[in-house]
Amino acid sequence: MTALIRGTKTQTGLTVKAAQVKGHYPTQVKVSDQEMAALKLTRRKICPQWNYMLHPRTHILEKA
């Protein structure tokens, strides 16, 4: 899979670096509806359940 990602290139020449981070990650961790609602997600048109952009929370930046 990482080879497929590394082979990605835009029309303007931007290339992608990818690496697999091996480790133990817990499965079946539940995220509450409240936690999901707090995320600023923009879902993509193709496979929106998997493809999305996560944006910074501006209210956190304003407090700094």
Protein backbone atom coordinates (compact mmCIF):
# COMPACT_ATOMS: atom_id res chain seq x y z
CA MET A 1 0.00 0.00 0.00
CA THR A 2 2.78 2.47 0.82
CA ALA A 3 4.32 1.88 -2.62
CA LEU A 4 1.03 2.96 -4.20
CA ILE A 5 0.96 6.11 -2.05
CA ARG A 6 4.63 6.88 -2.78
CA GLY A 7 3.89 6.64 -6.50
CA THR A 8 1.38 9.50 -6.29
CA LYS A 9 2.29 12.66 -8.19
CA THR A 10 0.22 15.73 -9.06
CA GLN A 11 0.04 17.37 -12.48
CA THR A 12 2.31 20.14 -11.22
CA GLY A 13 4.96 17.67 -10.00
CA LEU A 14 4.22 17.46 -6.27
CA THR A 15 5.30 14.05 -4.97
CA VAL A 16 4.32 12.18 -1.82
CA LYS A 17 6.45 10.51 0.84
CA ALA A 18 4.93 7.64 2.80
CA ALA A 19 6.13 5.26 5.49
CA GLN A 20 4.48 2.55 7.52
CA VAL A 21 4.63 3.07 11.26
CA LYS A 22 4.61 -0.35 12.88
CA GLY A 23 3.28 -0.68 16.37
CA HIS A 24 0.34 -1.80 18.45
CA TYR A 25 -2.80 0.24 17.99
CA PRO A 26 -5.96 -0.55 19.91
CA THR A 27 -8.95 -1.63 17.85
CA GLN A 28 -12.66 -1.05 18.34
CA VAL A 29 -12.09 2.27 20.14
CA LYS A 30 -15.40 4.12 20.18
CA VAL A 31 -15.60 7.83 19.45
CA SER A 32 -18.62 9.57 20.94
CA ASP A 33 -21.06 11.59 18.84
CA GLN A 34 -19.94 14.67 20.78
CA GLU A 35 -16.27 14.05 19.90
CA MET A 36 -17.14 13.54 16.22
CA ALA A 37 -19.24 16.72 16.15
CA ALA A 38 -16.25 18.68 17.52
CA LEU A 39 -14.10 17.73 14.51
CA LYS A 40 -13.97 20.01 11.48
CA LEU A 41 -14.21 17.48 8.66
CA THR A 42 -14.70 18.08 4.96
CA ARG A 43 -15.68 14.85 3.28
CA ARG A 44 -14.50 14.15 -0.26
CA LYS A 45 -16.88 13.22 -3.09
CA ILE A 46 -15.20 9.85 -3.73
CA CYS A 47 -15.70 7.41 -0.80
CA PRO A 48 -16.58 10.14 1.75
CA GLN A 49 -16.64 7.62 4.61
CA TRP A 50 -12.89 7.10 4.08
CA ASN A 51 -11.69 10.26 2.35
CA TYR A 52 -11.87 13.49 4.28
CA MET A 53 -9.83 16.50 5.33
CA LEU A 54 -9.41 17.34 9.00
CA HIS A 55 -9.13 21.08 9.65
CA PRO A 56 -7.72 22.82 12.74
CA ARG A 57 -10.15 24.02 15.37
CA THR A 58 -10.00 27.80 15.05
CA HIS A 59 -11.40 28.44 18.54
CA ILE A 60 -8.32 26.76 20.06
CA LEU A 61 -6.00 28.95 18.02
CA GLU A 62 -7.87 32.10 19.08
CA LYS A 63 -7.24 31.34 22.78
CA ALA A 64 -3.47 31.15 22.29
